[in-house]
């Protein structure tokens, strides 16, 4: 399953946030999940500050941590 957004160009930020949160929550409990959840939370923080580009970068990093 490809969780990166290359094939989802029209996905808005809400869709990306939901996808990454779901991937983090359904991942097996291990160190990668912890790293991914921390990166997801940092993406939420970036979004709350209004920095969409940084939020997307952190969401991609969260997904990459699960690989």
N, C-alpha and C. Protein backbone atom coordinates (compact mmCIF):
# COMPACT_ATOMS: atom_id res chain seq x y z
N UNK A 1 0.84 -1.18 0.00
CA UNK A 1 0.00 0.00 0.00
C UNK A 1 0.88 1.24 0.00
N UNK A 2 0.70 2.08 -0.96
CA UNK A 2 1.48 3.30 -1.06
C UNK A 2 0.77 4.41 -0.30
N UNK A 3 1.38 4.86 0.79
CA UNK A 3 0.75 5.88 1.61
C UNK A 3 1.23 7.28 1.30
N UNK A 4 2.14 7.42 0.34
CA UNK A 4 2.64 8.74 0.02
C UNK A 4 1.67 9.42 -0.93
N UNK A 5 1.78 10.71 -1.04
CA UNK A 5 0.78 11.51 -1.72
C UNK A 5 1.09 11.78 -3.18
N UNK A 6 2.07 11.10 -3.75
CA UNK A 6 2.42 11.32 -5.14
C UNK A 6 1.24 11.05 -6.07
N UNK A 7 0.46 10.02 -5.74
CA UNK A 7 -0.67 9.66 -6.59
C UNK A 7 -1.97 10.29 -6.10
N UNK A 8 -1.90 11.23 -5.15
CA UNK A 8 -3.08 11.93 -4.66
C UNK A 8 -2.87 13.44 -4.77
N UNK A 9 -2.70 13.97 -5.97
CA UNK A 9 -2.38 15.39 -6.09
C UNK A 9 -3.49 16.31 -5.62
N UNK A 10 -4.74 15.83 -5.65
CA UNK A 10 -5.85 16.69 -5.27
C UNK A 10 -6.20 16.58 -3.79
N UNK A 11 -5.48 15.74 -3.05
CA UNK A 11 -5.78 15.57 -1.63
C UNK A 11 -5.52 16.87 -0.88
N UNK A 12 -6.51 17.31 -0.14
CA UNK A 12 -6.29 18.54 0.63
C UNK A 12 -5.64 18.19 1.97
N UNK A 13 -5.34 19.18 2.73
CA UNK A 13 -4.61 18.97 3.97
C UNK A 13 -5.41 18.14 4.97
N UNK A 14 -6.72 18.33 5.02
CA UNK A 14 -7.55 17.54 5.93
C UNK A 14 -7.46 16.05 5.59
N UNK A 15 -7.51 15.73 4.29
CA UNK A 15 -7.41 14.34 3.87
C UNK A 15 -6.06 13.75 4.24
N UNK A 16 -5.02 14.52 4.05
CA UNK A 16 -3.67 14.05 4.40
C UNK A 16 -3.57 13.80 5.90
N UNK A 17 -4.10 14.71 6.69
CA UNK A 17 -4.04 14.56 8.15
C UNK A 17 -4.78 13.29 8.58
N UNK A 18 -5.96 13.06 8.01
CA UNK A 18 -6.73 11.86 8.36
C UNK A 18 -5.99 10.59 7.97
N UNK A 19 -5.41 10.58 6.78
CA UNK A 19 -4.69 9.41 6.29
C UNK A 19 -3.50 9.09 7.19
N UNK A 20 -2.73 10.09 7.54
CA UNK A 20 -1.54 9.86 8.35
C UNK A 20 -1.94 9.45 9.77
N UNK A 21 -2.94 10.09 10.33
CA UNK A 21 -3.38 9.72 11.68
C UNK A 21 -3.85 8.27 11.71
N UNK A 22 -4.60 7.87 10.72
CA UNK A 22 -5.07 6.49 10.64
C UNK A 22 -3.91 5.51 10.51
N UNK A 23 -2.95 5.85 9.66
CA UNK A 23 -1.78 4.98 9.49
C UNK A 23 -1.00 4.85 10.80
N UNK A 24 -0.87 5.95 11.52
CA UNK A 24 -0.15 5.92 12.80
C UNK A 24 -0.90 5.08 13.83
N UNK A 25 -2.21 5.26 13.90
CA UNK A 25 -3.00 4.55 14.90
C UNK A 25 -3.08 3.06 14.64
N UNK A 26 -3.03 2.66 13.37
CA UNK A 26 -3.17 1.24 13.04
C UNK A 26 -1.84 0.53 12.85
N UNK A 27 -0.76 1.23 13.05
CA UNK A 27 0.57 0.61 12.94
C UNK A 27 0.82 -0.24 14.18
N UNK A 28 1.65 -1.29 14.03
CA UNK A 28 2.00 -2.10 15.20
C UNK A 28 2.73 -1.24 16.24
N UNK A 29 2.52 -1.57 17.50
CA UNK A 29 3.15 -0.81 18.57
C UNK A 29 4.63 -1.14 18.61
N UNK A 30 5.44 -0.18 18.22
CA UNK A 30 6.90 -0.32 18.27
C UNK A 30 7.51 1.08 18.18
N UNK A 31 8.82 1.14 18.07
CA UNK A 31 9.51 2.43 18.05
C UNK A 31 9.12 3.25 16.83
N UNK A 32 8.90 2.60 15.68
CA UNK A 32 8.53 3.35 14.48
C UNK A 32 7.20 4.06 14.67
N UNK A 33 6.27 3.39 15.36
CA UNK A 33 4.97 4.02 15.60
C UNK A 33 5.14 5.25 16.49
N UNK A 34 5.97 5.14 17.50
CA UNK A 34 6.21 6.28 18.40
C UNK A 34 6.79 7.46 17.65
N UNK A 35 7.77 7.20 16.80
CA UNK A 35 8.38 8.26 16.00
C UNK A 35 7.34 8.88 15.08
N UNK A 36 6.56 8.03 14.45
CA UNK A 36 5.55 8.51 13.51
C UNK A 36 4.50 9.38 14.22
N UNK A 37 4.06 8.95 15.39
CA UNK A 37 3.08 9.75 16.13
C UNK A 37 3.65 11.09 16.56
N UNK A 38 4.91 11.13 16.97
CA UNK A 38 5.54 12.40 17.33
C UNK A 38 5.60 13.33 16.12
N UNK A 39 5.92 12.77 14.98
CA UNK A 39 5.99 13.59 13.76
C UNK A 39 4.61 14.07 13.35
N UNK A 40 3.60 13.22 13.54
CA UNK A 40 2.23 13.63 13.24
C UNK A 40 1.82 14.80 14.15
N UNK A 41 2.14 14.69 15.43
CA UNK A 41 1.80 15.76 16.36
C UNK A 41 2.52 17.06 16.01
N UNK A 42 3.75 16.95 15.54
CA UNK A 42 4.46 18.16 15.12
C UNK A 42 3.81 18.75 13.87
N UNK A 43 3.25 17.89 13.02
CA UNK A 43 2.52 18.38 11.84
C UNK A 43 1.26 19.13 12.27
N UNK A 44 0.56 18.59 13.28
CA UNK A 44 -0.62 19.29 13.80
C UNK A 44 -0.23 20.67 14.34
N UNK A 45 0.90 20.73 15.02
CA UNK A 45 1.37 22.00 15.56
C UNK A 45 1.68 22.98 14.42
N UNK A 46 2.36 22.50 13.39
CA UNK A 46 2.68 23.37 12.25
C UNK A 46 1.40 23.87 11.59
N UNK A 47 0.40 23.01 11.52
CA UNK A 47 -0.87 23.42 10.92
C UNK A 47 -1.56 24.48 11.77
N UNK A 48 -1.48 24.32 13.09
CA UNK A 48 -2.11 25.30 13.97
C UNK A 48 -1.44 26.67 13.85
N UNK A 49 -0.17 26.67 13.46
CA UNK A 49 0.55 27.93 13.24
C UNK A 49 0.30 28.50 11.85
N UNK A 50 -0.39 27.73 11.00
CA UNK A 50 -0.73 28.19 9.66
C UNK A 50 0.34 27.91 8.62
N UNK A 51 1.31 27.08 8.94
CA UNK A 51 2.40 26.77 8.01
C UNK A 51 2.09 25.46 7.28
N UNK A 52 1.36 25.57 6.18
CA UNK A 52 0.90 24.39 5.45
C UNK A 52 2.06 23.59 4.85
N UNK A 53 3.05 24.26 4.31
CA UNK A 53 4.18 23.56 3.69
C UNK A 53 4.94 22.73 4.73
N UNK A 54 5.15 23.30 5.90
CA UNK A 54 5.85 22.57 6.97
C UNK A 54 5.00 21.41 7.46
N UNK A 55 3.70 21.62 7.53
CA UNK A 55 2.79 20.55 7.94
C UNK A 55 2.88 19.37 6.99
N UNK A 56 2.86 19.63 5.70
CA UNK A 56 2.94 18.57 4.70
C UNK A 56 4.28 17.85 4.80
N UNK A 57 5.35 18.61 4.99
CA UNK A 57 6.68 18.00 5.12
C UNK A 57 6.72 17.06 6.33
N UNK A 58 6.12 17.47 7.43
CA UNK A 58 6.12 16.64 8.63
C UNK A 58 5.20 15.43 8.49
N UNK A 59 4.10 15.58 7.76
CA UNK A 59 3.23 14.43 7.50
C UNK A 59 3.96 13.38 6.66
N UNK A 60 4.69 13.83 5.65
CA UNK A 60 5.48 12.90 4.84
C UNK A 60 6.53 12.20 5.69
N UNK A 61 7.14 12.94 6.61
CA UNK A 61 8.14 12.34 7.50
C UNK A 61 7.50 11.31 8.42
N UNK A 62 6.27 11.57 8.86
CA UNK A 62 5.57 10.61 9.72
C UNK A 62 5.30 9.31 8.96
N UNK A 63 4.89 9.42 7.71
CA UNK A 63 4.65 8.22 6.92
C UNK A 63 5.94 7.47 6.63
N UNK A 64 6.99 8.22 6.36
CA UNK A 64 8.28 7.60 6.08
C UNK A 64 8.80 6.83 7.29
N UNK A 65 8.48 7.30 8.49
CA UNK A 65 8.92 6.63 9.71
C UNK A 65 8.26 5.25 9.86
N UNK A 66 7.12 5.07 9.23
CA UNK A 66 6.42 3.78 9.34
C UNK A 66 6.95 2.73 8.38
N UNK A 67 7.74 3.14 7.41
CA UNK A 67 8.26 2.19 6.42
C UNK A 67 9.37 1.35 6.97
